[in-house]
Amino acid sequence: EALNSYIFLMKMRFENSFTFTVNKIADPEKNSIIPLT
């Protein structure tokens, strides 16, 4: 959810120079990681 804002910033900066996709095989609510990873 936090990454959405960052991706928007990158879209404004790099425009159509990159693609970004997310594949959800497992439930993201049930797994934890270190912030800003």
PDB file of all heavy atoms in Angstrom:
ATOM      1  N   GLU A   1       0.836  -1.204   0.000  1.00  0.00           N
ATOM      2  CA  GLU A   1       0.000   0.000   0.000  1.00  0.00           C
ATOM      3  C   GLU A   1       0.871   1.254   0.000  1.00  0.00           C
ATOM      4  O   GLU A   1       0.612   2.209  -0.740  1.00  0.00           O
ATOM      5  CB  GLU A   1      -0.916   0.002   1.222  1.00  0.00           C
ATOM      6  CG  GLU A   1      -1.858   1.188   1.259  1.00  0.00           C
ATOM      7  CD  GLU A   1      -2.818   1.153   2.445  1.00  0.00           C
ATOM      8  OE1 GLU A   1      -2.811   0.149   3.186  1.00  0.00           O
ATOM      9  OE2 GLU A   1      -3.560   2.125   2.628  1.00  0.00           O
ATOM     10  N   ALA A   2       1.925   1.241   0.833  1.00  0.00           N
ATOM     11  CA  ALA A   2       2.842   2.383   0.873  1.00  0.00           C
ATOM     12  C   ALA A   2       3.616   2.517  -0.424  1.00  0.00           C
ATOM     13  O   ALA A   2       3.964   3.627  -0.850  1.00  0.00           O
ATOM     14  CB  ALA A   2       3.801   2.235   2.053  1.00  0.00           C
ATOM     15  N   LEU A   3       3.880   1.393  -1.075  1.00  0.00           N
ATOM     16  CA  LEU A   3       4.661   1.404  -2.306  1.00  0.00           C
ATOM     17  C   LEU A   3       3.910   2.072  -3.460  1.00  0.00           C
ATOM     18  O   LEU A   3       4.526   2.562  -4.408  1.00  0.00           O
ATOM     19  CB  LEU A   3       5.026  -0.034  -2.696  1.00  0.00           C
ATOM     20  CG  LEU A   3       6.160  -0.203  -3.715  1.00  0.00           C
ATOM     21  CD1 LEU A   3       7.475   0.303  -3.146  1.00  0.00           C
ATOM     22  CD2 LEU A   3       6.289  -1.673  -4.117  1.00  0.00           C
ATOM     23  N   ASN A   4       2.580   2.109  -3.373  1.00  0.00           N
ATOM     24  CA  ASN A   4       1.782   2.736  -4.431  1.00  0.00           C
ATOM     25  C   ASN A   4       2.197   4.185  -4.658  1.00  0.00           C
ATOM     26  O   ASN A   4       2.308   4.647  -5.800  1.00  0.00           O
ATOM     27  CB  ASN A   4       0.289   2.668  -4.092  1.00  0.00           C
ATOM     28  CG  ASN A   4      -0.268   1.268  -4.243  1.00  0.00           C
ATOM     29  OD1 ASN A   4       0.253   0.465  -5.021  1.00  0.00           O
ATOM     30  ND2 ASN A   4      -1.327   0.961  -3.516  1.00  0.00           N
ATOM     31  N   SER A   5       2.413   4.910  -3.562  1.00  0.00           N
ATOM     32  CA  SER A   5       2.817   6.316  -3.670  1.00  0.00           C
ATOM     33  C   SER A   5       4.195   6.443  -4.290  1.00  0.00           C
ATOM     34  O   SER A   5       4.446   7.319  -5.127  1.00  0.00           O
ATOM     35  CB  SER A   5       2.802   6.980  -2.281  1.00  0.00           C
ATOM     36  OG  SER A   5       1.499   6.983  -1.744  1.00  0.00           O
ATOM     37  N   TYR A   6       5.097   5.554  -3.873  1.00  0.00           N
ATOM     38  CA  TYR A   6       6.460   5.581  -4.420  1.00  0.00           C
ATOM     39  C   TYR A   6       6.445   5.278  -5.923  1.00  0.00           C
ATOM     40  O   TYR A   6       7.147   5.946  -6.697  1.00  0.00           O
ATOM     41  CB  TYR A   6       7.326   4.566  -3.680  1.00  0.00           C
ATOM     42  CG  TYR A   6       8.717   4.431  -4.259  1.00  0.00           C
ATOM     43  CD1 TYR A   6       9.687   5.390  -4.008  1.00  0.00           C
ATOM     44  CD2 TYR A   6       9.038   3.344  -5.071  1.00  0.00           C
ATOM     45  CE1 TYR A   6      10.957   5.273  -4.554  1.00  0.00           C
ATOM     46  CE2 TYR A   6      10.301   3.219  -5.616  1.00  0.00           C
ATOM     47  CZ  TYR A   6      11.262   4.182  -5.356  1.00  0.00           C
ATOM     48  OH  TYR A   6      12.510   4.055  -5.893  1.00  0.00           O
ATOM     49  N   ILE A   7       5.650   4.304  -6.331  1.00  0.00           N
ATOM     50  CA  ILE A   7       5.556   3.950  -7.762  1.00  0.00           C
ATOM     51  C   ILE A   7       5.006   5.131  -8.559  1.00  0.00           C
ATOM     52  O   ILE A   7       5.457   5.414  -9.678  1.00  0.00           O
ATOM     53  CB  ILE A   7       4.674   2.705  -7.957  1.00  0.00           C
ATOM     54  CG1 ILE A   7       5.381   1.453  -7.420  1.00  0.00           C
ATOM     55  CG2 ILE A   7       4.324   2.510  -9.429  1.00  0.00           C
ATOM     56  CD1 ILE A   7       6.669   1.112  -8.152  1.00  0.00           C
ATOM     57  N   PHE A   8       4.036   5.835  -7.980  1.00  0.00           N
ATOM     58  CA  PHE A   8       3.492   7.006  -8.670  1.00  0.00           C
ATOM     59  C   PHE A   8       4.586   8.055  -8.882  1.00  0.00           C
ATOM     60  O   PHE A   8       4.688   8.659  -9.962  1.00  0.00           O
ATOM     61  CB  PHE A   8       2.334   7.614  -7.871  1.00  0.00           C
ATOM     62  CG  PHE A   8       1.722   8.819  -8.530  1.00  0.00           C
ATOM     63  CD1 PHE A   8       0.788   8.673  -9.537  1.00  0.00           C
ATOM     64  CD2 PHE A   8       2.092  10.102  -8.136  1.00  0.00           C
ATOM     65  CE1 PHE A   8       0.236   9.787 -10.162  1.00  0.00           C
ATOM     66  CE2 PHE A   8       1.545  11.222  -8.753  1.00  0.00           C
ATOM     67  CZ  PHE A   8       0.605  11.061  -9.765  1.00  0.00           C
ATOM     68  N   LEU A   9       5.415   8.287  -7.863  1.00  0.00           N
ATOM     69  CA  LEU A   9       6.519   9.237  -7.994  1.00  0.00           C
ATOM     70  C   LEU A   9       7.470   8.817  -9.117  1.00  0.00           C
ATOM     71  O   LEU A   9       7.939   9.650  -9.899  1.00  0.00           O
ATOM     72  CB  LEU A   9       7.292   9.341  -6.677  1.00  0.00           C
ATOM     73  CG  LEU A   9       6.541   9.919  -5.469  1.00  0.00           C
ATOM     74  CD1 LEU A   9       7.429   9.856  -4.228  1.00  0.00           C
ATOM     75  CD2 LEU A   9       6.085  11.346  -5.727  1.00  0.00           C
ATOM     76  N   MET A  10       7.758   7.523  -9.179  1.00  0.00           N
ATOM     77  CA  MET A  10       8.653   7.029 -10.214  1.00  0.00           C
ATOM     78  C   MET A  10       8.016   7.141 -11.606  1.00  0.00           C
ATOM     79  O   MET A  10       8.700   7.396 -12.592  1.00  0.00           O
ATOM     80  CB  MET A  10       9.039   5.572  -9.931  1.00  0.00           C
ATOM     81  CG  MET A  10       9.872   5.371  -8.673  1.00  0.00           C
ATOM     82  SD  MET A  10      11.449   6.279  -8.658  1.00  0.00           S
ATOM     83  CE  MET A  10      11.022   7.697  -7.627  1.00  0.00           C
ATOM     84  N   LYS A  11       6.703   6.955 -11.674  1.00  0.00           N
ATOM     85  CA  LYS A  11       5.998   7.100 -12.954  1.00  0.00           C
ATOM     86  C   LYS A  11       6.096   8.544 -13.457  1.00  0.00           C
ATOM     87  O   LYS A  11       6.258   8.803 -14.652  1.00  0.00           O
ATOM     88  CB  LYS A  11       4.525   6.700 -12.801  1.00  0.00           C
ATOM     89  CG  LYS A  11       4.271   5.210 -12.729  1.00  0.00           C
ATOM     90  CD  LYS A  11       4.475   4.532 -14.071  1.00  0.00           C
ATOM     91  CE  LYS A  11       4.072   3.070 -14.026  1.00  0.00           C
ATOM     92  NZ  LYS A  11       4.353   2.376 -15.323  1.00  0.00           N
ATOM     93  N   MET A  12       5.969   9.490 -12.530  1.00  0.00           N
ATOM     94  CA  MET A  12       6.081  10.891 -12.907  1.00  0.00           C
ATOM     95  C   MET A  12       7.502  11.229 -13.347  1.00  0.00           C
ATOM     96  O   MET A  12       7.712  12.064 -14.230  1.00  0.00           O
ATOM     97  CB  MET A  12       5.685  11.789 -11.729  1.00  0.00           C
ATOM     98  CG  MET A  12       4.217  11.747 -11.349  1.00  0.00           C
ATOM     99  SD  MET A  12       3.112  12.403 -12.645  1.00  0.00           S
ATOM    100  CE  MET A  12       2.562  10.875 -13.406  1.00  0.00           C
ATOM    101  N   ARG A  13       8.477  10.568 -12.741  1.00  0.00           N
ATOM    102  CA  ARG A  13       9.874  10.856 -13.057  1.00  0.00           C
ATOM    103  C   ARG A  13      10.346  10.138 -14.317  1.00  0.00           C
ATOM    104  O   ARG A  13      10.978  10.725 -15.184  1.00  0.00           O
ATOM    105  CB  ARG A  13      10.754  10.461 -11.867  1.00  0.00           C
ATOM    106  CG  ARG A  13      12.230  10.725 -12.083  1.00  0.00           C
ATOM    107  CD  ARG A  13      13.031  10.329 -10.854  1.00  0.00           C
ATOM    108  NE  ARG A  13      14.458  10.379 -11.129  1.00  0.00           N
ATOM    109  CZ  ARG A  13      15.390   9.940 -10.297  1.00  0.00           C
ATOM    110  NH1 ARG A  13      15.031   9.416  -9.131  1.00  0.00           N
ATOM    111  NH2 ARG A  13      16.666  10.012 -10.612  1.00  0.00           N
ATOM    112  N   PHE A  14      10.029   8.838 -14.424  1.00  0.00           N
ATOM    113  CA  PHE A  14      10.530   8.037 -15.539  1.00  0.00           C
ATOM    114  C   PHE A  14       9.498   7.831 -16.645  1.00  0.00           C
ATOM    115  O   PHE A  14       9.807   7.247 -17.684  1.00  0.00           O
ATOM    116  CB  PHE A  14      11.006   6.668 -15.027  1.00  0.00           C
ATOM    117  CG  PHE A  14      12.236   6.732 -14.175  1.00  0.00           C
ATOM    118  CD1 PHE A  14      12.142   6.751 -12.794  1.00  0.00           C
ATOM    119  CD2 PHE A  14      13.492   6.781 -14.759  1.00  0.00           C
ATOM    120  CE1 PHE A  14      13.278   6.811 -11.999  1.00  0.00           C
ATOM    121  CE2 PHE A  14      14.637   6.837 -13.980  1.00  0.00           C
ATOM    122  CZ  PHE A  14      14.534   6.858 -12.592  1.00  0.00           C
ATOM    123  N   GLU A  15       8.255   8.255 -16.393  1.00  0.00           N
ATOM    124  CA  GLU A  15       7.155   8.145 -17.351  1.00  0.00           C
ATOM    125  C   GLU A  15       6.981   6.701 -17.814  1.00  0.00           C
ATOM    126  O   GLU A  15       6.789   5.809 -17.001  1.00  0.00           O
ATOM    127  CB  GLU A  15       7.387   9.115 -18.522  1.00  0.00           C
ATOM    128  CG  GLU A  15       7.398  10.575 -18.065  1.00  0.00           C
ATOM    129  CD  GLU A  15       7.576  11.540 -19.201  1.00  0.00           C
ATOM    130  OE1 GLU A  15       8.128  11.161 -20.252  1.00  0.00           O
ATOM    131  OE2 GLU A  15       7.156  12.710 -19.031  1.00  0.00           O
ATOM    132  N   ASN A  16       7.066   6.446 -19.111  1.00  0.00           N
ATOM    133  CA  ASN A  16       6.803   5.102 -19.634  1.00  0.00           C
ATOM    134  C   ASN A  16       8.079   4.284 -19.846  1.00  0.00           C
ATOM    135  O   ASN A  16       8.169   3.478 -20.769  1.00  0.00           O
ATOM    136  CB  ASN A  16       6.045   5.209 -20.960  1.00  0.00           C
ATOM    137  CG  ASN A  16       4.692   5.878 -20.799  1.00  0.00           C
ATOM    138  OD1 ASN A  16       3.976   5.607 -19.850  1.00  0.00           O
ATOM    139  ND2 ASN A  16       4.365   6.759 -21.723  1.00  0.00           N
ATOM    140  N   SER A  17       9.044   4.492 -18.945  1.00  0.00           N
ATOM    141  CA  SER A  17      10.343   3.842 -19.110  1.00  0.00           C
ATOM    142  C   SER A  17      10.485   2.562 -18.298  1.00  0.00           C
ATOM    143  O   SER A  17      11.538   1.926 -18.347  1.00  0.00           O
ATOM    144  CB  SER A  17      11.468   4.817 -18.712  1.00  0.00           C
ATOM    145  OG  SER A  17      11.459   5.954 -19.551  1.00  0.00           O
ATOM    146  N   PHE A  18       9.450   2.190 -17.551  1.00  0.00           N
ATOM    147  CA  PHE A  18       9.528   0.948 -16.777  1.00  0.00           C
ATOM    148  C   PHE A  18       8.138   0.336 -16.621  1.00  0.00           C
ATOM    149  O   PHE A  18       7.120   1.013 -16.774  1.00  0.00           O
ATOM    150  CB  PHE A  18      10.164   1.183 -15.403  1.00  0.00           C
ATOM    151  CG  PHE A  18       9.277   1.886 -14.412  1.00  0.00           C
ATOM    152  CD1 PHE A  18       8.553   1.169 -13.456  1.00  0.00           C
ATOM    153  CD2 PHE A  18       9.159   3.274 -14.404  1.00  0.00           C
ATOM    154  CE1 PHE A  18       7.739   1.812 -12.541  1.00  0.00           C
ATOM    155  CE2 PHE A  18       8.354   3.929 -13.492  1.00  0.00           C
ATOM    156  CZ  PHE A  18       7.644   3.193 -12.551  1.00  0.00           C
ATOM    157  N   THR A  19       8.122  -0.954 -16.338  1.00  0.00           N
ATOM    158  CA  THR A  19       6.875  -1.647 -16.025  1.00  0.00           C
ATOM    159  C   THR A  19       6.976  -2.211 -14.609  1.00  0.00           C
ATOM    160  O   THR A  19       8.071  -2.523 -14.121  1.00  0.00           O
ATOM    161  CB  THR A  19       6.609  -2.805 -17.009  1.00  0.00           C
ATOM    162  OG1 THR A  19       7.664  -3.779 -16.914  1.00  0.00           O
ATOM    163  CG2 THR A  19       6.522  -2.282 -18.433  1.00  0.00           C
ATOM    164  N   PHE A  20       5.829  -2.342 -13.966  1.00  0.00           N
ATOM    165  CA  PHE A  20       5.804  -2.825 -12.582  1.00  0.00           C
ATOM    166  C   PHE A  20       4.581  -3.719 -12.401  1.00  0.00           C
ATOM    167  O   PHE A  20       3.450  -3.307 -12.649  1.00  0.00           O
ATOM    168  CB  PHE A  20       5.735  -1.637 -11.618  1.00  0.00           C
ATOM    169  CG  PHE A  20       5.555  -2.028 -10.178  1.00  0.00           C
ATOM    170  CD1 PHE A  20       6.585  -2.632  -9.475  1.00  0.00           C
ATOM    171  CD2 PHE A  20       4.348  -1.801  -9.532  1.00  0.00           C
ATOM    172  CE1 PHE A  20       6.426  -2.996  -8.147  1.00  0.00           C
ATOM    173  CE2 PHE A  20       4.178  -2.160  -8.207  1.00  0.00           C
ATOM    174  CZ  PHE A  20       5.216  -2.761  -7.519  1.00  0.00           C
ATOM    175  N   THR A  21       4.829  -4.965 -11.988  1.00  0.00           N
ATOM    176  CA  THR A  21       3.729  -5.901 -11.783  1.00  0.00           C
ATOM    177  C   THR A  21       3.881  -6.609 -10.441  1.00  0.00           C
ATOM    178  O   THR A  21       4.993  -6.793  -9.938  1.00  0.00           O
ATOM    179  CB  THR A  21       3.684  -6.969 -12.896  1.00  0.00           C
ATOM    180  OG1 THR A  21       4.951  -7.647 -12.952  1.00  0.00           O
ATOM    181  CG2 THR A  21       3.390  -6.345 -14.243  1.00  0.00           C
ATOM    182  N   VAL A  22       2.743  -6.992  -9.866  1.00  0.00           N
ATOM    183  CA  VAL A  22       2.717  -7.712  -8.593  1.00  0.00           C
ATOM    184  C   VAL A  22       1.897  -8.989  -8.771  1.00  0.00           C
ATOM    185  O   VAL A  22       0.742  -8.933  -9.208  1.00  0.00           O
ATOM    186  CB  VAL A  22       2.099  -6.859  -7.463  1.00  0.00           C
ATOM    187  CG1 VAL A  22       2.035  -7.666  -6.164  1.00  0.00           C
ATOM    188  CG2 VAL A  22       2.898  -5.580  -7.251  1.00  0.00           C
ATOM    189  N   ASN A  23       2.498 -10.123  -8.444  1.00  0.00           N
ATOM    190  CA  ASN A  23       1.806 -11.411  -8.491  1.00  0.00           C
ATOM    191  C   ASN A  23       1.546 -11.886  -7.062  1.00  0.00           C
ATOM    192  O   ASN A  23       2.490 -12.081  -6.287  1.00  0.00           O
ATOM    193  CB  ASN A  23       2.664 -12.449  -9.228  1.00  0.00           C
ATOM    194  CG  ASN A  23       3.050 -11.989 -10.623  1.00  0.00           C
ATOM    195  OD1 ASN A  23       2.210 -11.511 -11.382  1.00  0.00           O
ATOM    196  ND2 ASN A  23       4.314 -12.117 -10.967  1.00  0.00           N
ATOM    197  N   LYS A  24       0.280 -12.065  -6.729  1.00  0.00           N
ATOM    198  CA  LYS A  24      -0.075 -12.464  -5.367  1.00  0.00           C
ATOM    199  C   LYS A  24      -0.468 -13.939  -5.334  1.00  0.00           C
ATOM    200  O   LYS A  24      -1.597 -14.305  -5.624  1.00  0.00           O
ATOM    201  CB  LYS A  24      -1.228 -11.601  -4.850  1.00  0.00           C
ATOM    202  CG  LYS A  24      -0.880 -10.124  -4.735  1.00  0.00           C
ATOM    203  CD  LYS A  24      -2.063  -9.308  -4.211  1.00  0.00           C
ATOM    204  CE  LYS A  24      -1.712  -7.833  -4.138  1.00  0.00           C
ATOM    205  NZ  LYS A  24      -2.859  -7.002  -3.649  1.00  0.00           N
ATOM    206  N   ILE A  25       0.494 -14.772  -4.951  1.00  0.00           N
ATOM    207  CA  ILE A  25       0.229 -16.207  -4.795  1.00  0.00           C
ATOM    208  C   ILE A  25      -0.227 -16.489  -3.370  1.00  0.00           C
ATOM    209  O   ILE A  25      -1.163 -17.238  -3.132  1.00  0.00           O
ATOM    210  CB  ILE A  25       1.491 -17.026  -5.141  1.00  0.00           C
ATOM    211  CG1 ILE A  25       1.876 -16.796  -6.603  1.00  0.00           C
ATOM    212  CG2 ILE A  25       1.255 -18.513  -4.873  1.00  0.00           C
ATOM    213  CD1 ILE A  25       3.182 -17.429  -7.001  1.00  0.00           C
ATOM    214  N   ALA A  26       0.447 -15.851  -2.406  1.00  0.00           N
ATOM    215  CA  ALA A  26       0.085 -15.992  -0.992  1.00  0.00           C
ATOM    216  C   ALA A  26      -0.607 -14.717  -0.519  1.00  0.00           C
ATOM    217  O   ALA A  26      -0.563 -13.679  -1.193  1.00  0.00           O
ATOM    218  CB  ALA A  26       1.320 -16.273  -0.147  1.00  0.00           C
ATOM    219  N   ASP A  27      -1.239 -14.786   0.644  1.00  0.00           N
ATOM    220  CA  ASP A  27      -1.974 -13.660   1.205  1.00  0.00           C
ATOM    221  C   ASP A  27      -0.989 -12.642   1.800  1.00  0.00           C
ATOM    222  O   ASP A  27      -0.276 -12.955   2.759  1.00  0.00           O
ATOM    223  CB  ASP A  27      -2.932 -14.152   2.298  1.00  0.00           C
ATOM    224  CG  ASP A  27      -3.840 -13.049   2.814  1.00  0.00           C
ATOM    225  OD1 ASP A  27      -3.653 -11.879   2.432  1.00  0.00           O
ATOM    226  OD2 ASP A  27      -4.743 -13.363   3.612  1.00  0.00           O
ATOM    227  N   PRO A  28      -0.929 -11.409   1.263  1.00  0.00           N
ATOM    228  CA  PRO A  28       0.007 -10.405   1.783  1.00  0.00           C
ATOM    229  C   PRO A  28      -0.307  -9.945   3.204  1.00  0.00           C
ATOM    230  O   PRO A  28       0.551  -9.389   3.881  1.00  0.00           O
ATOM    231  CB  PRO A  28      -0.128  -9.243   0.783  1.00  0.00           C
ATOM    232  CG  PRO A  28      -1.472  -9.427   0.169  1.00  0.00           C
ATOM    233  CD  PRO A  28      -1.704 -10.907   0.118  1.00  0.00           C
ATOM    234  N   GLU A  29      -1.544 -10.174   3.650  1.00  0.00           N
ATOM    235  CA  GLU A  29      -1.917  -9.786   5.014  1.00  0.00           C
ATOM    236  C   GLU A  29      -1.283 -10.706   6.062  1.00  0.00           C
ATOM    237  O   GLU A  29      -1.091 -10.315   7.201  1.00  0.00           O
ATOM    238  CB  GLU A  29      -3.446  -9.825   5.175  1.00  0.00           C
ATOM    239  CG  GLU A  29      -4.209  -8.796   4.365  1.00  0.00           C
ATOM    240  CD  GLU A  29      -4.188  -7.419   5.002  1.00  0.00           C
ATOM    241  OE1 GLU A  29      -3.627  -7.298   6.111  1.00  0.00           O
ATOM    242  OE2 GLU A  29      -4.712  -6.484   4.380  1.00  0.00           O
ATOM    243  N   LYS A  30      -0.956 -11.930   5.665  1.00  0.00           N
ATOM    244  CA  LYS A  30      -0.518 -12.934   6.631  1.00  0.00           C
ATOM    245  C   LYS A  30       1.003 -13.058   6.745  1.00  0.00           C
ATOM    246  O   LYS A  30       1.499 -13.868   7.524  1.00  0.00           O
ATOM    247  CB  LYS A  30      -1.114 -14.292   6.271  1.00  0.00           C
ATOM    248  CG  LYS A  30      -2.632 -14.326   6.369  1.00  0.00           C
ATOM    249  CD  LYS A  30      -3.179 -15.713   6.038  1.00  0.00           C
ATOM    250  CE  LYS A  30      -4.692 -15.745   6.177  1.00  0.00           C
ATOM    251  NZ  LYS A  30      -5.243 -17.084   5.851  1.00  0.00           N
ATOM    252  N   ASN A  31       1.735 -12.290   5.950  1.00  0.00           N
ATOM    253  CA  ASN A  31       3.192 -12.371   5.972  1.00  0.00           C
ATOM    254  C   ASN A  31       3.802 -11.010   6.286  1.00  0.00           C
ATOM    255  O   ASN A  31       3.274  -9.976   5.854  1.00  0.00           O
ATOM    256  CB  ASN A  31       3.723 -12.889   4.632  1.00  0.00           C
ATOM    257  CG  ASN A  31       3.258 -14.301   4.335  1.00  0.00           C
ATOM    258  OD1 ASN A  31       3.554 -15.220   5.077  1.00  0.00           O
ATOM    259  ND2 ASN A  31       2.515 -14.471   3.252  1.00  0.00           N
ATOM    260  N   SER A  32       4.904 -11.029   7.021  1.00  0.00           N
ATOM    261  CA  SER A  32       5.538  -9.778   7.449  1.00  0.00           C
ATOM    262  C   SER A  32       6.986  -9.692   6.986  1.00  0.00           C
ATOM    263  O   SER A  32       7.668 -10.709   6.832  1.00  0.00           O
ATOM    264  CB  SER A  32       5.488  -9.656   8.977  1.00  0.00           C
ATOM    265  OG  SER A  32       4.154  -9.626   9.438  1.00  0.00           O
ATOM    266  N   ILE A  33       7.450  -8.451   6.776  1.00  0.00           N
ATOM    267  CA  ILE A  33       8.831  -8.189   6.378  1.00  0.00           C
ATOM    268  C   ILE A  33       9.320  -6.935   7.101  1.00  0.00           C
ATOM    269  O   ILE A  33       8.544  -6.254   7.784  1.00  0.00           O
ATOM    270  CB  ILE A  33       8.967  -7.998   4.854  1.00  0.00           C
ATOM    271  CG1 ILE A  33       8.036  -6.876   4.375  1.00  0.00           C
ATOM    272  CG2 ILE A  33       8.674  -9.289   4.118  1.00  0.00           C
ATOM    273  CD1 ILE A  33       8.167  -6.572   2.882  1.00  0.00           C
ATOM    274  N   ILE A  34      10.592  -6.606   6.934  1.00  0.00           N
ATOM    275  CA  ILE A  34      11.151  -5.383   7.507  1.00  0.00           C
ATOM    276  C   ILE A  34      10.650  -4.186   6.704  1.00  0.00           C
ATOM    277  O   ILE A  34      10.605  -4.237   5.474  1.00  0.00           O
ATOM    278  CB  ILE A  34      12.686  -5.458   7.499  1.00  0.00           C
ATOM    279  CG1 ILE A  34      13.154  -6.509   8.515  1.00  0.00           C
ATOM    280  CG2 ILE A  34      13.307  -4.102   7.826  1.00  0.00           C
ATOM    281  CD1 ILE A  34      14.641  -6.762   8.495  1.00  0.00           C
ATOM    282  N   PRO A  35      10.261  -3.106   7.377  1.00  0.00           N
ATOM    283  CA  PRO A  35       9.743  -1.930   6.660  1.00  0.00           C
ATOM    284  C   PRO A  35      10.716  -1.391   5.619  1.00  0.00           C
ATOM    285  O   PRO A  35      11.932  -1.412   5.805  1.00  0.00           O
ATOM    286  CB  PRO A  35       9.547  -0.901   7.789  1.00  0.00           C
ATOM    287  CG  PRO A  35       9.375  -1.715   9.021  1.00  0.00           C
ATOM    288  CD  PRO A  35      10.244  -2.913   8.834  1.00  0.00           C
ATOM    289  N   LEU A  36      10.169  -0.916   4.514  1.00  0.00           N
ATOM    290  CA  LEU A  36      10.891  -0.302   3.407  1.00  0.00           C
ATOM    291  C   LEU A  36      11.725  -1.289   2.594  1.00  0.00           C
ATOM    292  O   LEU A  36      12.510  -0.881   1.739  1.00  0.00           O
ATOM    293  CB  LEU A  36      11.787   0.848   3.905  1.00  0.00           C
ATOM    294  CG  LEU A  36      11.049   2.061   4.468  1.00  0.00           C
ATOM    295  CD1 LEU A  36      12.050   3.070   5.009  1.00  0.00           C
ATOM    296  CD2 LEU A  36      10.177   2.717   3.420  1.00  0.00           C
ATOM    297  N   THR A  37      11.538  -2.581   2.843  1.00  0.00           N
ATOM    298  CA  THR A  37      12.255  -3.585   2.056  1.00  0.00           C
ATOM    299  C   THR A  37      11.975  -3.410   0.565  1.00  0.00           C
ATOM    300  O   THR A  37      12.893  -3.373  -0.265  1.00  0.00           O
ATOM    301  CB  THR A  37      11.854  -5.008   2.485  1.00  0.00           C
ATOM    302  OG1 THR A  37      12.339  -5.261   3.810  1.00  0.00           O
ATOM    303  CG2 THR A  37      12.422  -6.050   1.549  1.00  0.00           C
TER     304      THR A  37
END
